[in-house]
Every structure is written in C-alpha cells, then in structure tokens.
Amino acid sequence: MKNFRQSRNHRPKKNRLITGATDVIRALKENIQLDRIFILATFNNAVTDQLKKLAAECGVPVNKVPIEKLNSFNTGEHNGCVAMLSKIKYSNLQDLISFSFENSLSPLFVMLDGITDIRNIGAIARSAYAMGVTALIIPEKGVGALNEDAIFTSAGALEHLPVCRVNSLMKAVDELHLNGIKVYATEMTAQKNIFEVDFKDPCAIVMGGEEQGIYPALLKICDEQLKIPMPGNFESLNVSVATGMVLYEAIRQRFR
C-alpha cells in the first residue's frame, strides 16, 4: 500500500491513452480494459456506432464531449476519439459471488450510487480494502471515474480491491438477490439503525451521494434501510466517513 498524501489533479499520461476510433475499436475487440471513451459530440457515423456497440458489450462508458475536451488530452491528432486505459482490473459480479461461496466465505459488497467526488471514492475504497470487503460495485455512469487521482487518494487500495462495473445497479441488486445476498440501503431517515442488523450473513451495503442520496427506485428494491444513529443535531455525515462506520460495524459483528 502506498503512503497516503493529499490528492492532486493531473492530466492522464500519454501512454495511458488510445487515440482514434479505429484503434479504440481494436482495443475493445482485444479485451483491453478501458476506463472510459471520449468521442466528439458531433460524430455520428457507422464507425462510432460500432464503437458504442462494442463499448456497451464490454461495459465501458462512452462520453460525448466537445472538441476542447479532446484537445485537452494533448495527444496531437486524435480524430475525434480518445480512450483511457484502465489502471483498475474490473471483475465480474457473479464470478466473485461464486468464488466466495465456493470458498465458504460470506461476501460483503459496497455499492456506490451517485458518488461523484473521487476523493470520497478513494477514501471509501481505502476503508473497504482495510475491512476485507469482497468488492465495490459501481455503475458505468453517474459515479466518479476511477482514475489516477482516485487511486492516489485511496492510497493504492483501488489497485488491489476488486471492482465490479455494471450497466445497471438495479440489475446488480437483482443478481445479488438471486444469489441469496441481502441488500441494505443507508438512509438517514430509516427507522432501523446499523446495530440492529445482522451483517454476518452475505450482504451488500448501498451508499448514496451526499446531495441526492440513493436513487428512489434503487432504494425501493433494497431489503432494508439503515441509518447511523447520531445524537448530534446535524444533517448527515461525509459519505466516506459514513461508509467506514457501517463497515466497521459489519466487521465487528463478523469477528465476534
């Protein structure tokens, strides 16, 4: 694990970028893991259609952006398309579930919904790795990019903690349920607190963004809603702090 220092912003290194739609398509066909793909917003042809179709099959987010964003990568000729190589090795959710059960482990997942601040994501990953979480579950869109800044903030945890990137958190919850895994949503108005839940059984914990919380439809299909009891008169905790507190309670129960 790397020593933690204050996060810093920096442009992705050129050797971690692929430019041009043709080369990006080739990378997708060769199963090279990409963090995300940026294409010029005005592009709309057969090549970009093929690229978007392959990206969807591989679970790689595609962002339509203005020319200024593509130029900011400073790669020279990009022909309207830039892809970022992933430093994260993404895992298949069902594979991790099966591995856990085959090895008599009780899986513990953390699902992130609408958390866009990479510093929070890095801090969550750091706590999750320290607490022995099976994997983070993130959506393709609506969550901060797991880029070099996120890895830096995680003190390197994101290079070791499995991450499942799914095209729908709703479908991920369905898959967890089909495998007998309970899904708990953290919600500050919940009636039940975290000390009243049995975290020893296979489960997943959903953490929502500080502004909007968990998406209502996702909240509805979770098994139970939980809160962190707070005697102080304050609206909420930072999401990375809250995640650490919930995970510590889960691990405390599992080590009893």
Protein backbone atom coordinates (compact mmCIF):
# COMPACT_ATOMS: atom_id res chain seq x y z
CA MET A 1 0.00 0.00 0.00
CA LYS A 2 1.26 3.47 -0.83
CA ASN A 3 1.58 6.14 1.82
CA PHE A 4 -1.41 8.48 1.79
CA ARG A 5 -0.82 12.07 0.74
CA GLN A 6 -3.10 14.85 -0.35
CA SER A 7 -4.74 14.12 -3.71
CA ARG A 8 -3.58 16.13 -6.71
CA ASN A 9 -5.05 16.79 -10.13
CA HIS A 10 -3.06 15.86 -13.19
CA ARG A 11 -3.57 15.06 -16.83
CA PRO A 12 -3.51 11.34 -17.78
CA LYS A 13 -0.15 10.22 -19.13
CA LYS A 14 0.00 9.85 -22.90
CA ASN A 15 0.99 6.19 -22.64
CA ARG A 16 -2.35 5.53 -20.93
CA LEU A 17 -4.36 6.94 -23.84
CA ILE A 18 -5.51 5.40 -27.12
CA THR A 19 -6.44 7.82 -29.90
CA GLY A 20 -8.61 7.35 -32.97
CA ALA A 21 -11.83 5.33 -33.25
CA THR A 22 -10.17 2.52 -35.23
CA ASP A 23 -7.53 1.87 -32.56
CA VAL A 24 -10.11 2.12 -29.78
CA ILE A 25 -12.32 -0.45 -31.55
CA ARG A 26 -9.30 -2.74 -31.89
CA ALA A 27 -8.59 -2.39 -28.17
CA LEU A 28 -12.20 -3.31 -27.33
CA LYS A 29 -12.05 -6.37 -29.57
CA GLU A 30 -8.81 -7.46 -27.88
CA ASN A 31 -10.47 -7.10 -24.44
CA ILE A 32 -8.05 -4.40 -23.33
CA GLN A 33 -9.61 -2.85 -20.23
CA LEU A 34 -10.56 0.79 -20.72
CA ASP A 35 -11.69 3.25 -18.09
CA ARG A 36 -13.86 5.25 -20.48
CA ILE A 37 -14.06 6.54 -24.04
CA PHE A 38 -14.49 10.15 -25.15
CA ILE A 39 -15.87 10.86 -28.61
CA LEU A 40 -16.62 14.15 -30.32
CA ALA A 41 -20.26 15.09 -29.69
CA THR A 42 -20.90 15.82 -33.39
CA PHE A 43 -19.61 12.42 -34.57
CA ASN A 44 -22.37 10.14 -35.83
CA ASN A 45 -21.39 7.52 -38.37
CA ALA A 46 -21.03 3.77 -38.83
CA VAL A 47 -17.65 3.68 -37.09
CA THR A 48 -18.88 5.46 -33.98
CA ASP A 49 -21.99 3.25 -33.96
CA GLN A 50 -19.74 0.18 -33.96
CA LEU A 51 -17.57 1.69 -31.24
CA LYS A 52 -20.56 2.45 -28.99
CA LYS A 53 -21.99 -1.03 -29.52
CA LEU A 54 -18.70 -2.73 -28.61
CA ALA A 55 -18.22 -0.42 -25.63
CA ALA A 56 -21.69 -1.32 -24.33
CA GLU A 57 -20.88 -5.03 -24.66
CA CYS A 58 -17.64 -4.51 -22.73
CA GLY A 59 -19.22 -2.28 -20.10
CA VAL A 60 -17.08 0.74 -20.95
CA PRO A 61 -18.71 4.19 -20.55
CA VAL A 62 -18.76 6.42 -23.62
CA ASN A 63 -18.89 10.19 -23.15
CA LYS A 64 -19.80 12.62 -25.94
CA VAL A 65 -17.66 15.72 -25.45
CA PRO A 66 -16.75 18.97 -27.24
CA ILE A 67 -13.52 19.29 -29.19
CA GLU A 68 -11.96 21.29 -26.33
CA LYS A 69 -12.13 18.25 -24.03
CA LEU A 70 -10.39 16.03 -26.59
CA ASN A 71 -7.73 18.67 -27.25
CA SER A 72 -7.07 18.94 -23.51
CA PHE A 73 -5.50 15.47 -23.53
CA ASN A 74 -2.66 16.99 -25.60
CA THR A 75 -2.22 13.85 -27.68
CA GLY A 76 -1.83 15.56 -31.03
CA GLU A 77 -4.06 14.06 -33.74
CA HIS A 78 -6.97 12.28 -32.03
CA ASN A 79 -9.50 12.19 -34.89
CA GLY A 80 -12.38 12.84 -32.52
CA CYS A 81 -11.85 9.89 -30.19
CA VAL A 82 -9.73 9.28 -27.08
CA ALA A 83 -9.88 6.28 -24.75
CA MET A 84 -8.25 6.00 -21.34
CA LEU A 85 -6.62 2.71 -20.38
CA SER A 86 -7.85 1.47 -17.03
CA LYS A 87 -5.50 1.03 -14.09
CA ILE A 88 -8.30 -0.92 -12.42
CA LYS A 89 -8.90 -4.56 -13.24
CA TYR A 90 -12.67 -4.87 -13.32
CA SER A 91 -14.24 -8.10 -12.09
CA ASN A 92 -17.45 -9.92 -12.96
CA LEU A 93 -20.00 -9.74 -10.14
CA GLN A 94 -21.28 -13.29 -10.50
CA ASP A 95 -17.73 -14.66 -10.62
CA LEU A 96 -16.92 -13.01 -7.28
CA ILE A 97 -20.16 -14.25 -5.71
CA SER A 98 -19.48 -17.79 -6.89
CA PHE A 99 -15.87 -17.67 -5.71
CA SER A 100 -16.98 -16.51 -2.24
CA PHE A 101 -19.49 -19.30 -1.80
CA GLU A 102 -17.19 -21.96 -3.26
CA ASN A 103 -14.59 -20.97 -0.65
CA SER A 104 -17.08 -20.82 2.26
CA LEU A 105 -16.79 -17.03 2.51
CA SER A 106 -19.63 -14.67 3.39
CA PRO A 107 -19.45 -11.95 0.73
CA LEU A 108 -19.68 -8.29 1.71
CA PHE A 109 -20.16 -5.78 -1.10
CA VAL A 110 -20.28 -1.99 -1.13
CA MET A 111 -22.42 -0.42 -3.88
CA LEU A 112 -21.92 3.24 -4.81
CA ASP A 113 -24.82 5.26 -6.22
CA GLY A 114 -24.30 8.82 -7.39
CA ILE A 115 -20.97 9.40 -5.64
CA THR A 116 -19.01 11.64 -7.99
CA ASP A 117 -16.23 13.05 -5.79
CA ILE A 118 -13.18 10.91 -6.49
CA ARG A 119 -11.70 11.81 -3.10
CA ASN A 120 -14.70 10.21 -1.44
CA ILE A 121 -14.46 7.18 -3.72
CA GLY A 122 -10.77 6.81 -2.92
CA ALA A 123 -11.42 7.06 0.82
CA ILE A 124 -14.27 4.54 0.58
CA ALA A 125 -12.03 2.12 -1.33
CA ARG A 126 -9.32 2.51 1.29
CA SER A 127 -11.73 1.63 4.13
CA ALA A 128 -13.32 -1.18 2.11
CA TYR A 129 -9.98 -2.81 1.39
CA ALA A 130 -8.89 -2.50 5.02
CA MET A 131 -12.16 -4.06 6.19
CA GLY A 132 -11.95 -7.03 3.83
CA VAL A 133 -14.83 -6.05 1.54
CA THR A 134 -15.34 -8.50 -1.34
CA ALA A 135 -15.70 -5.78 -3.97
CA LEU A 136 -17.01 -2.34 -4.82
CA ILE A 137 -19.98 -2.28 -7.19
CA ILE A 138 -20.22 0.85 -9.34
CA PRO A 139 -22.40 1.85 -12.32
CA GLU A 140 -20.98 2.68 -15.73
CA LYS A 141 -22.33 6.22 -15.42
CA GLY A 142 -23.17 8.53 -12.55
CA VAL A 143 -20.11 7.81 -10.46
CA GLY A 144 -16.69 9.45 -10.39
CA ALA A 145 -14.04 7.98 -12.67
CA LEU A 146 -11.64 5.53 -11.04
CA ASN A 147 -8.66 7.37 -12.47
CA GLU A 148 -5.16 8.04 -11.20
CA ASP A 149 -6.42 10.68 -8.76
CA ALA A 150 -8.90 8.21 -7.25
CA ILE A 151 -6.18 5.58 -6.93
CA PHE A 152 -3.85 8.14 -5.36
CA THR A 153 -6.49 9.17 -2.83
CA SER A 154 -7.20 5.52 -2.00
CA ALA A 155 -3.53 5.09 -1.01
CA GLY A 156 -3.31 2.37 -3.64
CA ALA A 157 -6.29 0.36 -2.37
CA LEU A 158 -8.06 0.57 -5.73
CA GLU A 159 -5.21 -1.37 -7.33
CA HIS A 160 -5.96 -4.31 -5.00
CA LEU A 161 -9.69 -4.16 -4.20
CA PRO A 162 -11.92 -5.89 -6.79
CA VAL A 163 -14.30 -3.54 -8.57
CA CYS A 164 -17.43 -4.62 -10.46
CA ARG A 165 -18.60 -2.07 -13.03
CA VAL A 166 -22.21 -2.80 -14.03
CA ASN A 167 -24.51 -1.17 -16.56
CA SER A 168 -27.36 -1.04 -14.02
CA LEU A 169 -27.33 -1.01 -10.22
CA MET A 170 -30.93 -2.22 -10.31
CA LYS A 171 -29.87 -5.33 -12.25
CA ALA A 172 -26.92 -5.79 -9.88
CA VAL A 173 -29.33 -5.85 -6.93
CA ASP A 174 -31.43 -8.46 -8.76
CA GLU A 175 -28.31 -10.57 -9.28
CA LEU A 176 -27.38 -10.27 -5.61
CA HIS A 177 -30.90 -11.30 -4.60
CA LEU A 178 -30.83 -14.31 -6.94
CA ASN A 179 -27.71 -15.45 -5.07
CA GLY A 180 -29.35 -15.06 -1.66
CA ILE A 181 -27.48 -11.85 -0.76
CA LYS A 182 -29.36 -9.19 1.20
CA VAL A 183 -29.00 -5.58 0.13
CA TYR A 184 -29.08 -2.83 2.75
CA ALA A 185 -29.54 0.83 1.85
CA THR A 186 -28.19 3.59 4.06
CA GLU A 187 -30.78 6.31 4.55
CA MET A 188 -30.68 8.97 7.27
CA THR A 189 -34.48 8.79 7.79
CA ALA A 190 -34.53 4.99 8.23
CA GLN A 191 -36.19 3.53 11.33
CA LYS A 192 -33.60 0.80 11.94
CA ASN A 193 -30.01 1.61 12.88
CA ILE A 194 -26.89 -0.29 11.88
CA PHE A 195 -26.56 -2.01 15.26
CA GLU A 196 -29.89 -3.80 14.73
CA VAL A 197 -28.88 -5.60 11.54
CA ASP A 198 -27.10 -8.94 11.17
CA PHE A 199 -24.14 -8.23 8.89
CA LYS A 200 -22.66 -11.71 9.35
CA ASP A 201 -24.77 -13.12 6.54
CA PRO A 202 -23.89 -12.40 2.87
CA CYS A 203 -24.87 -8.81 2.17
CA ALA A 204 -24.30 -5.64 0.20
CA ILE A 205 -24.39 -2.08 1.54
CA VAL A 206 -25.57 0.72 -0.74
CA MET A 207 -24.11 4.19 -0.18
CA GLY A 208 -25.64 7.20 -1.94
CA GLY A 209 -24.25 10.59 -2.87
CA GLU A 210 -24.43 13.32 -0.24
CA GLU A 211 -26.61 15.60 -2.35
CA GLN A 212 -29.29 13.28 -3.75
CA GLY A 213 -28.86 10.12 -1.69
CA ILE A 214 -29.83 6.77 -3.17
CA TYR A 215 -31.97 6.76 -6.31
CA PRO A 216 -35.60 6.17 -5.16
CA ALA A 217 -36.21 3.16 -7.42
CA LEU A 218 -33.00 1.54 -6.19
CA LEU A 219 -33.90 2.33 -2.59
CA LYS A 220 -37.27 0.64 -3.07
CA ILE A 221 -35.85 -2.74 -4.09
CA CYS A 222 -33.34 -2.96 -1.24
CA ASP A 223 -34.22 -5.35 1.57
CA GLU A 224 -33.93 -2.83 4.40
CA GLN A 225 -32.99 0.78 5.05
CA LEU A 226 -30.47 1.57 7.78
CA LYS A 227 -29.14 4.66 9.49
CA ILE A 228 -26.20 5.60 11.66
CA PRO A 229 -27.64 6.88 14.95
CA MET A 230 -26.39 10.38 15.69
CA PRO A 231 -27.16 12.18 18.96
CA GLY A 232 -25.88 15.44 17.49
CA ASN A 233 -28.28 17.75 15.66
CA PHE A 234 -26.65 17.60 12.23
CA GLU A 235 -27.99 16.60 8.83
CA SER A 236 -25.54 13.96 7.68
CA LEU A 237 -22.00 12.61 7.64
CA ASN A 238 -19.49 12.70 4.82
CA VAL A 239 -20.21 9.62 2.72
CA SER A 240 -16.72 8.16 3.05
CA VAL A 241 -16.84 8.58 6.84
CA ALA A 242 -20.31 7.01 6.96
CA THR A 243 -19.15 4.07 4.84
CA GLY A 244 -16.25 3.45 7.19
CA MET A 245 -18.58 3.45 10.20
CA VAL A 246 -21.04 1.00 8.63
CA LEU A 247 -18.22 -1.30 7.52
CA TYR A 248 -16.64 -1.26 10.94
CA GLU A 249 -19.93 -2.42 12.47
CA ALA A 250 -20.14 -5.18 9.85
CA ILE A 251 -16.60 -6.36 10.58
CA ARG A 252 -17.10 -6.06 14.35
CA GLN A 253 -20.02 -8.48 14.08
CA ARG A 254 -18.11 -10.86 11.82
CA PHE A 255 -15.13 -11.03 14.20
CA ARG A 256 -17.18 -11.58 17.34
